[in-house]
Amino acid sequence: MKTVTVQLVEKTQIGTDAFGAPIYDEQLAQIDGCLVGQPSSDDIVNVQEMYGKHIAYVIGVPKGDSHNWTDTDVIVFGERFHTIGYPETGIQANIPLKWGKNVKVERYG
């Protein structure tokens, strides 16, 4: 299987503006060995009903990854996407192959 490197946007709050809104610094974390695939028809329907959003891809994240994939941006194939919902994880030892987490993303920006 062909894997790709995905860039995860990690935000760190560095202050607030004059209106009290947070100001963030963005750093890109390189996540190697990710699988990027098309969502199933069930995924498309379920996410549309739950969140009102349209899935562009499902990203398979390698086991052992400890980054925060909830409500963040991801750069895949040079385009920016936003994660939808929470990552689907399981018991890592019971999952075959190298990937232990699935993250759904929508086109963003």
PDB file of N, CA and C in Angstrom:
ATOM      1  N   MET A   1       0.835  -1.171   0.000  1.00  0.00           N
ATOM      2  CA  MET A   1       0.000   0.000   0.000  1.00  0.00           C
ATOM      3  C   MET A   1       0.888   1.245   0.000  1.00  0.00           C
ATOM      4  N   LYS A   2       0.463   2.230  -0.733  1.00  0.00           N
ATOM      5  CA  LYS A   2       1.188   3.496  -0.823  1.00  0.00           C
ATOM      6  C   LYS A   2       0.711   4.430   0.280  1.00  0.00           C
ATOM      7  N   THR A   3       1.644   4.877   1.099  1.00  0.00           N
ATOM      8  CA  THR A   3       1.305   5.813   2.164  1.00  0.00           C
ATOM      9  C   THR A   3       1.805   7.211   1.807  1.00  0.00           C
ATOM     10  N   VAL A   4       1.299   8.196   2.518  1.00  0.00           N
ATOM     11  CA  VAL A   4       1.694   9.589   2.276  1.00  0.00           C
ATOM     12  C   VAL A   4       2.046  10.255   3.608  1.00  0.00           C
ATOM     13  N   THR A   5       2.723  11.385   3.500  1.00  0.00           N
ATOM     14  CA  THR A   5       2.999  12.215   4.670  1.00  0.00           C
ATOM     15  C   THR A   5       1.917  13.284   4.751  1.00  0.00           C
ATOM     16  N   VAL A   6       1.317  13.385   5.916  1.00  0.00           N
ATOM     17  CA  VAL A   6       0.257  14.347   6.169  1.00  0.00           C
ATOM     18  C   VAL A   6       0.812  15.395   7.133  1.00  0.00           C
ATOM     19  N   GLN A   7       0.467  16.642   6.932  1.00  0.00           N
ATOM     20  CA  GLN A   7       0.879  17.698   7.842  1.00  0.00           C
ATOM     21  C   GLN A   7      -0.291  18.062   8.744  1.00  0.00           C
ATOM     22  N   LEU A   8      -0.076  17.923  10.035  1.00  0.00           N
ATOM     23  CA  LEU A   8      -1.090  18.249  11.028  1.00  0.00           C
ATOM     24  C   LEU A   8      -0.788  19.630  11.589  1.00  0.00           C
ATOM     25  N   VAL A   9      -1.772  20.508  11.585  1.00  0.00           N
ATOM     26  CA  VAL A   9      -1.589  21.870  12.091  1.00  0.00           C
ATOM     27  C   VAL A   9      -1.826  21.853  13.596  1.00  0.00           C
ATOM     28  N   GLU A  10      -0.767  22.139  14.344  1.00  0.00           N
ATOM     29  CA  GLU A  10      -0.863  22.197  15.799  1.00  0.00           C
ATOM     30  C   GLU A  10      -0.873  23.658  16.221  1.00  0.00           C
ATOM     31  N   LYS A  11      -1.915  24.066  16.947  1.00  0.00           N
ATOM     32  CA  LYS A  11      -2.064  25.458  17.358  1.00  0.00           C
ATOM     33  C   LYS A  11      -1.701  25.608  18.831  1.00  0.00           C
ATOM     34  N   THR A  12      -0.966  26.684  19.123  1.00  0.00           N
ATOM     35  CA  THR A  12      -0.612  27.031  20.488  1.00  0.00           C
ATOM     36  C   THR A  12      -1.042  28.472  20.727  1.00  0.00           C
ATOM     37  N   GLN A  13      -1.831  28.684  21.763  1.00  0.00           N
ATOM     38  CA  GLN A  13      -2.287  30.047  22.044  1.00  0.00           C
ATOM     39  C   GLN A  13      -1.121  30.868  22.573  1.00  0.00           C
ATOM     40  N   ILE A  14      -0.892  32.029  21.937  1.00  0.00           N
ATOM     41  CA  ILE A  14       0.223  32.893  22.335  1.00  0.00           C
ATOM     42  C   ILE A  14      -0.246  34.210  22.926  1.00  0.00           C
ATOM     43  N   GLY A  15      -1.537  34.410  23.017  1.00  0.00           N
ATOM     44  CA  GLY A  15      -2.060  35.645  23.581  1.00  0.00           C
ATOM     45  C   GLY A  15      -3.496  35.869  23.161  1.00  0.00           C
ATOM     46  N   THR A  16      -3.955  37.097  23.377  1.00  0.00           N
ATOM     47  CA  THR A  16      -5.299  37.482  22.963  1.00  0.00           C
ATOM     48  C   THR A  16      -5.232  38.837  22.275  1.00  0.00           C
ATOM     49  N   ASP A  17      -6.216  39.097  21.426  1.00  0.00           N
ATOM     50  CA  ASP A  17      -6.256  40.387  20.743  1.00  0.00           C
ATOM     51  C   ASP A  17      -7.013  41.403  21.609  1.00  0.00           C
ATOM     52  N   ALA A  18      -7.238  42.586  21.063  1.00  0.00           N
ATOM     53  CA  ALA A  18      -7.888  43.660  21.814  1.00  0.00           C
ATOM     54  C   ALA A  18      -9.321  43.320  22.231  1.00  0.00           C
ATOM     55  N   PHE A  19      -9.953  42.370  21.531  1.00  0.00           N
ATOM     56  CA  PHE A  19     -11.328  41.979  21.849  1.00  0.00           C
ATOM     57  C   PHE A  19     -11.397  40.735  22.732  1.00  0.00           C
ATOM     58  N   GLY A  20     -10.250  40.232  23.134  1.00  0.00           N
ATOM     59  CA  GLY A  20     -10.211  39.050  23.993  1.00  0.00           C
ATOM     60  C   GLY A  20     -10.225  37.729  23.253  1.00  0.00           C
ATOM     61  N   ALA A  21     -10.195  37.771  21.924  1.00  0.00           N
ATOM     62  CA  ALA A  21     -10.157  36.533  21.142  1.00  0.00           C
ATOM     63  C   ALA A  21      -8.731  35.973  21.148  1.00  0.00           C
ATOM     64  N   PRO A  22      -8.604  34.659  21.228  1.00  0.00           N
ATOM     65  CA  PRO A  22      -7.257  34.079  21.278  1.00  0.00           C
ATOM     66  C   PRO A  22      -6.484  34.268  19.970  1.00  0.00           C
ATOM     67  N   ILE A  23      -5.172  34.420  20.114  1.00  0.00           N
ATOM     68  CA  ILE A  23      -4.250  34.475  18.975  1.00  0.00           C
ATOM     69  C   ILE A  23      -3.404  33.205  19.039  1.00  0.00           C
ATOM     70  N   TYR A  24      -3.297  32.515  17.902  1.00  0.00           N
ATOM     71  CA  TYR A  24      -2.592  31.241  17.869  1.00  0.00           C
ATOM     72  C   TYR A  24      -1.348  31.296  16.988  1.00  0.00           C
ATOM     73  N   ASP A  25      -0.362  30.503  17.371  1.00  0.00           N
ATOM     74  CA  ASP A  25       0.801  30.248  16.537  1.00  0.00           C
ATOM     75  C   ASP A  25       0.612  28.842  15.980  1.00  0.00           C
ATOM     76  N   GLU A  26       0.827  28.679  14.684  1.00  0.00           N
ATOM     77  CA  GLU A  26       0.636  27.366  14.055  1.00  0.00           C
ATOM     78  C   GLU A  26       1.978  26.731  13.725  1.00  0.00           C
ATOM     79  N   GLN A  27       2.108  25.463  14.083  1.00  0.00           N
ATOM     80  CA  GLN A  27       3.270  24.657  13.730  1.00  0.00           C
ATOM     81  C   GLN A  27       2.768  23.446  12.959  1.00  0.00           C
ATOM     82  N   LEU A  28       3.521  23.005  11.960  1.00  0.00           N
ATOM     83  CA  LEU A  28       3.142  21.831  11.178  1.00  0.00           C
ATOM     84  C   LEU A  28       3.915  20.609  11.667  1.00  0.00           C
ATOM     85  N   ALA A  29       3.177  19.566  12.023  1.00  0.00           N
ATOM     86  CA  ALA A  29       3.784  18.299  12.416  1.00  0.00           C
ATOM     87  C   ALA A  29       3.685  17.339  11.233  1.00  0.00           C
ATOM     88  N   GLN A  30       4.792  16.750  10.845  1.00  0.00           N
ATOM     89  CA  GLN A  30       4.819  15.793   9.731  1.00  0.00           C
ATOM     90  C   GLN A  30       4.448  14.412  10.272  1.00  0.00           C
ATOM     91  N   ILE A  31       3.392  13.819   9.745  1.00  0.00           N
ATOM     92  CA  ILE A  31       2.958  12.484  10.146  1.00  0.00           C
ATOM     93  C   ILE A  31       3.200  11.565   8.952  1.00  0.00           C
ATOM     94  N   ASP A  32       4.226  10.744   9.043  1.00  0.00           N
ATOM     95  CA  ASP A  32       4.578   9.838   7.952  1.00  0.00           C
ATOM     96  C   ASP A  32       3.769   8.549   8.026  1.00  0.00           C
ATOM     97  N   GLY A  33       3.580   7.914   6.882  1.00  0.00           N
ATOM     98  CA  GLY A  33       2.959   6.598   6.822  1.00  0.00           C
ATOM     99  C   GLY A  33       1.454   6.581   6.939  1.00  0.00           C
ATOM    100  N   CYS A  34       0.783   7.660   6.570  1.00  0.00           N
ATOM    101  CA  CYS A  34      -0.680   7.712   6.642  1.00  0.00           C
ATOM    102  C   CYS A  34      -1.302   7.141   5.370  1.00  0.00           C
ATOM    103  N   LEU A  35      -2.446   6.521   5.521  1.00  0.00           N
ATOM    104  CA  LEU A  35      -3.250   6.080   4.381  1.00  0.00           C
ATOM    105  C   LEU A  35      -4.345   7.117   4.160  1.00  0.00           C
ATOM    106  N   VAL A  36      -4.568   7.475   2.925  1.00  0.00           N
ATOM    107  CA  VAL A  36      -5.632   8.423   2.606  1.00  0.00           C
ATOM    108  C   VAL A  36      -6.569   7.734   1.629  1.00  0.00           C
ATOM    109  N   GLY A  37      -7.847   7.646   1.998  1.00  0.00           N
ATOM    110  CA  GLY A  37      -8.800   6.947   1.151  1.00  0.00           C
ATOM    111  C   GLY A  37     -10.139   7.646   1.074  1.00  0.00           C
ATOM    112  N   GLN A  38     -10.950   7.148   0.171  1.00  0.00           N
ATOM    113  CA  GLN A  38     -12.303   7.682   0.000  1.00  0.00           C
ATOM    114  C   GLN A  38     -13.204   7.144   1.104  1.00  0.00           C
ATOM    115  N   PRO A  39     -14.144   7.953   1.583  1.00  0.00           N
ATOM    116  CA  PRO A  39     -15.068   7.483   2.613  1.00  0.00           C
ATOM    117  C   PRO A  39     -16.074   6.494   2.035  1.00  0.00           C
ATOM    118  N   SER A  40     -16.587   5.625   2.903  1.00  0.00           N
ATOM    119  CA  SER A  40     -17.637   4.702   2.472  1.00  0.00           C
ATOM    120  C   SER A  40     -18.950   5.470   2.380  1.00  0.00           C
ATOM    121  N   SER A  41     -19.916   4.888   1.695  1.00  0.00           N
ATOM    122  CA  SER A  41     -21.217   5.554   1.582  1.00  0.00           C
ATOM    123  C   SER A  41     -21.880   5.683   2.951  1.00  0.00           C
ATOM    124  N   ASP A  42     -21.667   4.706   3.840  1.00  0.00           N
ATOM    125  CA  ASP A  42     -22.204   4.803   5.198  1.00  0.00           C
ATOM    126  C   ASP A  42     -21.587   5.977   5.953  1.00  0.00           C
ATOM    127  N   ASP A  43     -20.265   6.167   5.816  1.00  0.00           N
ATOM    128  CA  ASP A  43     -19.598   7.296   6.463  1.00  0.00           C
ATOM    129  C   ASP A  43     -20.167   8.617   5.976  1.00  0.00           C
ATOM    130  N   ILE A  44     -20.369   8.726   4.678  1.00  0.00           N
ATOM    131  CA  ILE A  44     -20.890   9.966   4.097  1.00  0.00           C
ATOM    132  C   ILE A  44     -22.264  10.291   4.665  1.00  0.00           C
ATOM    133  N   VAL A  45     -23.147   9.305   4.690  1.00  0.00           N
ATOM    134  CA  VAL A  45     -24.515   9.514   5.192  1.00  0.00           C
ATOM    135  C   VAL A  45     -24.500   9.827   6.682  1.00  0.00           C
ATOM    136  N   ASN A  46     -23.739   9.069   7.472  1.00  0.00           N
ATOM    137  CA  ASN A  46     -23.716   9.270   8.920  1.00  0.00           C
ATOM    138  C   ASN A  46     -23.182  10.646   9.302  1.00  0.00           C
ATOM    139  N   VAL A  47     -22.096  11.068   8.688  1.00  0.00           N
ATOM    140  CA  VAL A  47     -21.521  12.377   9.014  1.00  0.00           C
ATOM    141  C   VAL A  47     -22.432  13.507   8.535  1.00  0.00           C
ATOM    142  N   GLN A  48     -23.069  13.309   7.381  1.00  0.00           N
ATOM    143  CA  GLN A  48     -24.001  14.325   6.876  1.00  0.00           C
ATOM    144  C   GLN A  48     -25.160  14.515   7.852  1.00  0.00           C
ATOM    145  N   GLU A  49     -25.668  13.407   8.384  1.00  0.00           N
ATOM    146  CA  GLU A  49     -26.791  13.482   9.320  1.00  0.00           C
ATOM    147  C   GLU A  49     -26.367  14.040  10.679  1.00  0.00           C
ATOM    148  N   MET A  50     -25.180  13.653  11.158  1.00  0.00           N
ATOM    149  CA  MET A  50     -24.744  14.067  12.495  1.00  0.00           C
ATOM    150  C   MET A  50     -24.206  15.494  12.534  1.00  0.00           C
ATOM    151  N   TYR A  51     -23.386  15.854  11.538  1.00  0.00           N
ATOM    152  CA  TYR A  51     -22.681  17.134  11.589  1.00  0.00           C
ATOM    153  C   TYR A  51     -23.070  18.106  10.478  1.00  0.00           C
ATOM    154  N   GLY A  52     -23.775  17.630   9.454  1.00  0.00           N
ATOM    155  CA  GLY A  52     -24.111  18.477   8.320  1.00  0.00           C
ATOM    156  C   GLY A  52     -22.905  18.804   7.459  1.00  0.00           C
ATOM    157  N   LYS A  53     -21.910  17.925   7.459  1.00  0.00           N
ATOM    158  CA  LYS A  53     -20.678  18.157   6.714  1.00  0.00           C
ATOM    159  C   LYS A  53     -20.459  17.039   5.705  1.00  0.00           C
ATOM    160  N   HIS A  54     -19.634  17.318   4.698  1.00  0.00           N
ATOM    161  CA  HIS A  54     -19.348  16.332   3.655  1.00  0.00           C
ATOM    162  C   HIS A  54     -17.901  15.869   3.756  1.00  0.00           C
ATOM    163  N   ILE A  55     -17.715  14.577   3.934  1.00  0.00           N
ATOM    164  CA  ILE A  55     -16.365  14.021   4.067  1.00  0.00           C
ATOM    165  C   ILE A  55     -15.659  14.037   2.715  1.00  0.00           C
ATOM    166  N   ALA A  56     -14.404  14.486   2.719  1.00  0.00           N
ATOM    167  CA  ALA A  56     -13.581  14.424   1.516  1.00  0.00           C
ATOM    168  C   ALA A  56     -12.721  13.170   1.533  1.00  0.00           C
ATOM    169  N   TYR A  57     -12.088  12.884   2.670  1.00  0.00           N
ATOM    170  CA  TYR A  57     -11.202  11.714   2.810  1.00  0.00           C
ATOM    171  C   TYR A  57     -11.326  11.132   4.203  1.00  0.00           C
ATOM    172  N   VAL A  58     -10.872   9.891   4.317  1.00  0.00           N
ATOM    173  CA  VAL A  58     -10.654   9.258   5.615  1.00  0.00           C
ATOM    174  C   VAL A  58      -9.159   8.971   5.681  1.00  0.00           C
ATOM    175  N   ILE A  59      -8.525   9.425   6.757  1.00  0.00           N
ATOM    176  CA  ILE A  59      -7.077   9.250   6.913  1.00  0.00           C
ATOM    177  C   ILE A  59      -6.821   8.160   7.946  1.00  0.00           C
ATOM    178  N   GLY A  60      -6.052   7.158   7.550  1.00  0.00           N
ATOM    179  CA  GLY A  60      -5.608   6.117   8.467  1.00  0.00           C
ATOM    180  C   GLY A  60      -4.297   6.570   9.095  1.00  0.00           C
ATOM    181  N   VAL A  61      -4.300   6.736  10.415  1.00  0.00           N
ATOM    182  CA  VAL A  61      -3.133   7.240  11.142  1.00  0.00           C
ATOM    183  C   VAL A  61      -2.369   6.057  11.745  1.00  0.00           C
ATOM    184  N   PRO A  62      -1.041   6.051  11.627  1.00  0.00           N
ATOM    185  CA  PRO A  62      -0.245   4.940  12.166  1.00  0.00           C
ATOM    186  C   PRO A  62      -0.444   4.748  13.666  1.00  0.00           C
ATOM    187  N   LYS A  63      -0.328   3.500  14.095  1.00  0.00           N
ATOM    188  CA  LYS A  63      -0.415   3.179  15.519  1.00  0.00           C
ATOM    189  C   LYS A  63       0.675   3.924  16.273  1.00  0.00           C
ATOM    190  N   GLY A  64       0.374   4.279  17.505  1.00  0.00           N
ATOM    191  CA  GLY A  64       1.352   4.942  18.351  1.00  0.00           C
ATOM    192  C   GLY A  64       1.372   6.454  18.216  1.00  0.00           C
ATOM    193  N   ASP A  65       0.622   7.007  17.271  1.00  0.00           N
ATOM    194  CA  ASP A  65       0.595   8.455  17.099  1.00  0.00           C
ATOM    195  C   ASP A  65      -0.137   9.086  18.276  1.00  0.00           C
ATOM    196  N   SER A  66       0.450  10.128  18.861  1.00  0.00           N
ATOM    197  CA  SER A  66      -0.150  10.760  20.040  1.00  0.00           C
ATOM    198  C   SER A  66      -0.603  12.192  19.788  1.00  0.00           C
ATOM    199  N   HIS A  67      -0.661  12.624  18.540  1.00  0.00           N
ATOM    200  CA  HIS A  67      -1.104  13.981  18.229  1.00  0.00           C
ATOM    201  C   HIS A  67      -2.606  14.137  18.446  1.00  0.00           C
ATOM    202  N   ASN A  68      -3.037  15.371  18.649  1.00  0.00           N
ATOM    203  CA  ASN A  68      -4.460  15.676  18.810  1.00  0.00           C
ATOM    204  C   ASN A  68      -5.075  15.881  17.429  1.00  0.00           C
ATOM    205  N   TRP A  69      -5.980  15.010  17.027  1.00  0.00           N
ATOM    206  CA  TRP A  69      -6.622  15.059  15.715  1.00  0.00           C
ATOM    207  C   TRP A  69      -8.048  15.604  15.790  1.00  0.00           C
ATOM    208  N   THR A  70      -8.472  16.104  16.929  1.00  0.00           N
ATOM    209  CA  THR A  70      -9.827  16.603  17.101  1.00  0.00           C
ATOM    210  C   THR A  70      -9.884  18.100  16.808  1.00  0.00           C
ATOM    211  N   ASP A  71     -10.814  18.502  15.934  1.00  0.00           N
ATOM    212  CA  ASP A  71     -11.065  19.906  15.608  1.00  0.00           C
ATOM    213  C   ASP A  71      -9.779  20.647  15.232  1.00  0.00           C
ATOM    214  N   THR A  72      -9.085  20.107  14.245  1.00  0.00           N
ATOM    215  CA  THR A  72      -7.841  20.717  13.787  1.00  0.00           C
ATOM    216  C   THR A  72      -7.753  20.651  12.269  1.00  0.00           C
ATOM    217  N   ASP A  73      -6.774  21.332  11.722  1.00  0.00           N
ATOM    218  CA  ASP A  73      -6.570  21.335  10.276  1.00  0.00           C
ATOM    219  C   ASP A  73      -5.482  20.344   9.893  1.00  0.00           C
ATOM    220  N   VAL A  74      -5.614  19.830   8.674  1.00  0.00           N
ATOM    221  CA  VAL A  74      -4.674  18.853   8.139  1.00  0.00           C
ATOM    222  C   VAL A  74      -4.371  19.246   6.701  1.00  0.00           C
ATOM    223  N   ILE A  75      -3.123  19.122   6.306  1.00  0.00           N
ATOM    224  CA  ILE A  75      -2.755  19.394   4.920  1.00  0.00           C
ATOM    225  C   ILE A  75      -2.426  18.065   4.253  1.00  0.00           C
ATOM    226  N   VAL A  76      -3.218  17.744   3.216  1.00  0.00           N
ATOM    227  CA  VAL A  76      -3.066  16.502   2.463  1.00  0.00           C
ATOM    228  C   VAL A  76      -3.008  16.861   0.988  1.00  0.00           C
ATOM    229  N   PHE A  77      -2.032  16.322   0.276  1.00  0.00           N
ATOM    230  CA  PHE A  77      -1.872  16.590  -1.156  1.00  0.00           C
ATOM    231  C   PHE A  77      -1.801  18.091  -1.445  1.00  0.00           C
ATOM    232  N   GLY A  78      -1.242  18.863  -0.506  1.00  0.00           N
ATOM    233  CA  GLY A  78      -1.085  20.302  -0.701  1.00  0.00           C
ATOM    234  C   GLY A  78      -2.337  21.125  -0.456  1.00  0.00           C
ATOM    235  N   GLU A  79      -3.422  20.495  -0.017  1.00  0.00           N
ATOM    236  CA  GLU A  79      -4.673  21.206   0.251  1.00  0.00           C
ATOM    237  C   GLU A  79      -5.020  21.108   1.727  1.00  0.00           C
ATOM    238  N   ARG A  80      -5.713  22.123   2.226  1.00  0.00           N
ATOM    239  CA  ARG A  80      -6.065  22.179   3.644  1.00  0.00           C
ATOM    240  C   ARG A  80      -7.446  21.570   3.876  1.00  0.00           C
ATOM    241  N   PHE A  81      -7.529  20.727   4.898  1.00  0.00           N
ATOM    242  CA  PHE A  81      -8.767  20.064   5.297  1.00  0.00           C
ATOM    243  C   PHE A  81      -8.957  20.273   6.796  1.00  0.00           C
ATOM    244  N   HIS A  82     -10.178  20.047   7.277  1.00  0.00           N
ATOM    245  CA  HIS A  82     -10.490  20.163   8.699  1.00  0.00           C
ATOM    246  C   HIS A  82     -11.077  18.844   9.176  1.00  0.00           C
ATOM    247  N   THR A  83     -10.660  18.400  10.363  1.00  0.00           N
ATOM    248  CA  THR A  83     -11.163  17.128  10.871  1.00  0.00           C
ATOM    249  C   THR A  83     -12.619  17.259  11.296  1.00  0.00           C
ATOM    250  N   ILE A  84     -13.336  16.155  11.202  1.00  0.00           N
ATOM    251  CA  ILE A  84     -14.754  16.101  11.557  1.00  0.00           C
ATOM    252  C   ILE A  84     -14.914  15.113  12.704  1.00  0.00           C
ATOM    253  N   GLY A  85     -15.553  15.544  13.763  1.00  0.00           N
ATOM    254  CA  GLY A  85     -15.819  14.648  14.886  1.00  0.00           C
ATOM    255  C   GLY A  85     -14.541  14.197  15.582  1.00  0.00           C
ATOM    256  N   TYR A  86     -14.650  13.054  16.232  1.00  0.00           N
ATOM    257  CA  TYR A  86     -13.513  12.492  16.957  1.00  0.00           C
ATOM    258  C   TYR A  86     -12.890  11.362  16.150  1.00  0.00           C
ATOM    259  N   PRO A  87     -11.593  11.153  16.289  1.00  0.00           N
ATOM    260  CA  PRO A  87     -10.962  10.020  15.595  1.00  0.00           C
ATOM    261  C   PRO A  87     -11.542   8.703  16.097  1.00  0.00           C
ATOM    262  N   GLU A  88     -11.652   7.751  15.188  1.00  0.00           N
ATOM    263  CA  GLU A  88     -12.113   6.412  15.565  1.00  0.00           C
ATOM    264  C   GLU A  88     -10.881   5.591  15.924  1.00  0.00           C
ATOM    265  N   THR A  89     -10.812   5.175  17.170  1.00  0.00           N
ATOM    266  CA  THR A  89      -9.678   4.375  17.624  1.00  0.00           C
ATOM    267  C   THR A  89     -10.179   3.090  18.243  1.00  0.00           C
ATOM    268  N   GLY A  90      -9.284   2.150  18.339  1.00  0.00           N
ATOM    269  CA  GLY A  90      -9.605   0.877  18.954  1.00  0.00           C
ATOM    270  C   GLY A  90      -8.438   0.435  19.813  1.00  0.00           C
ATOM    271  N   ILE A  91      -8.491  -0.791  20.277  1.00  0.00           N
ATOM    272  CA  ILE A  91      -7.388  -1.348  21.045  1.00  0.00           C
ATOM    273  C   ILE A  91      -6.278  -1.667  20.050  1.00  0.00           C
ATOM    274  N   GLN A  92      -5.173  -0.951  20.157  1.00  0.00           N
ATOM    275  CA  GLN A  92      -4.102  -1.025  19.173  1.00  0.00           C
ATOM    276  C   GLN A  92      -3.614  -2.457  18.937  1.00  0.00           C
ATOM    277  N   ALA A  93      -3.507  -3.249  19.993  1.00  0.00           N
ATOM    278  CA  ALA A  93      -3.000  -4.618  19.859  1.00  0.00           C
ATOM    279  C   ALA A  93      -3.957  -5.522  19.076  1.00  0.00           C
ATOM    280  N   ASN A  94      -5.227  -5.167  19.031  1.00  0.00           N
ATOM    281  CA  ASN A  94      -6.222  -5.989  18.343  1.00  0.00           C
ATOM    282  C   ASN A  94      -6.465  -5.568  16.899  1.00  0.00           C
ATOM    283  N   ILE A  95      -5.813  -4.503  16.461  1.00  0.00           N
ATOM    284  CA  ILE A  95      -6.017  -3.994  15.111  1.00  0.00           C
ATOM    285  C   ILE A  95      -4.870  -4.479  14.226  1.00  0.00           C
ATOM    286  N   PRO A  96      -5.186  -5.172  13.135  1.00  0.00           N
ATOM    287  CA  PRO A  96      -4.111  -5.647  12.255  1.00  0.00           C
ATOM    288  C   PRO A  96      -3.488  -4.492  11.465  1.00  0.00           C
ATOM    289  N   LEU A  97      -2.367  -4.750  10.880  1.00  0.00           N
ATOM    290  CA  LEU A  97      -1.621  -3.788  10.070  1.00  0.00           C
ATOM    291  C   LEU A  97      -1.051  -2.656  10.911  1.00  0.00           C
ATOM    292  N   LYS A  98      -0.657  -1.562  10.252  1.00  0.00           N
ATOM    293  CA  LYS A  98       0.079  -0.467  10.904  1.00  0.00           C
ATOM    294  C   LYS A  98      -0.787   0.674  11.398  1.00  0.00           C
ATOM    295  N   TRP A  99      -2.056   0.720  11.031  1.00  0.00           N
ATOM    296  CA  TRP A  99      -2.875   1.905  11.289  1.00  0.00           C
ATOM    297  C   TRP A  99      -3.896   1.616  12.371  1.00  0.00           C
ATOM    298  N   GLY A 100      -3.959   2.496  13.386  1.00  0.00           N
ATOM    299  CA  GLY A 100      -4.839   2.246  14.515  1.00  0.00           C
ATOM    300  C   GLY A 100      -5.866   3.318  14.773  1.00  0.00           C
ATOM    301  N   LYS A 101      -5.953   4.304  13.881  1.00  0.00           N
ATOM    302  CA  LYS A 101      -6.885   5.411  14.089  1.00  0.00           C
ATOM    303  C   LYS A 101      -7.378   5.887  12.730  1.00  0.00           C
ATOM    304  N   ASN A 102      -8.674   6.178  12.614  1.00  0.00           N
ATOM    305  CA  ASN A 102      -9.244   6.756  11.396  1.00  0.00           C
ATOM    306  C   ASN A 102      -9.764   8.151  11.699  1.00  0.00           C
ATOM    307  N   VAL A 103      -9.399   9.093  10.834  1.00  0.00           N
ATOM    308  CA  VAL A 103      -9.812  10.482  10.996  1.00  0.00           C
ATOM    309  C   VAL A 103     -10.533  10.919   9.723  1.00  0.00           C
ATOM    310  N   LYS A 104     -11.726  11.473   9.885  1.00  0.00           N
ATOM    311  CA  LYS A 104     -12.488  11.972   8.738  1.00  0.00           C
ATOM    312  C   LYS A 104     -12.212  13.464   8.569  1.00  0.00           C
ATOM    313  N   VAL A 105     -12.053  13.898   7.313  1.00  0.00           N
ATOM    314  CA  VAL A 105     -11.776  15.316   7.054  1.00  0.00           C
ATOM    315  C   VAL A 105     -12.688  15.861   5.966  1.00  0.00           C
ATOM    316  N   GLU A 106     -12.943  17.176   6.056  1.00  0.00           N
ATOM    317  CA  GLU A 106     -13.715  17.887   5.041  1.00  0.00           C
ATOM    318  C   GLU A 106     -12.806  18.940   4.410  1.00  0.00           C
ATOM    319  N   ARG A 107     -13.104  19.312   3.170  1.00  0.00           N
ATOM    320  CA  ARG A 107     -12.333  20.361   2.504  1.00  0.00           C
ATOM    321  C   ARG A 107     -12.545  21.663   3.267  1.00  0.00           C
ATOM    322  N   TYR A 108     -11.468  22.425   3.415  1.00  0.00           N
ATOM    323  CA  TYR A 108     -11.504  23.610   4.274  1.00  0.00           C
ATOM    324  C   TYR A 108     -10.620  24.697   3.682  1.00  0.00           C
ATOM    325  N   GLY A 109     -11.151  25.884   3.612  1.00  0.00           N
ATOM    326  CA  GLY A 109     -10.368  27.048   3.201  1.00  0.00           C
ATOM    327  C   GLY A 109      -9.993  27.100   1.821  1.00  0.00           C
TER     328      GLY A 109
END
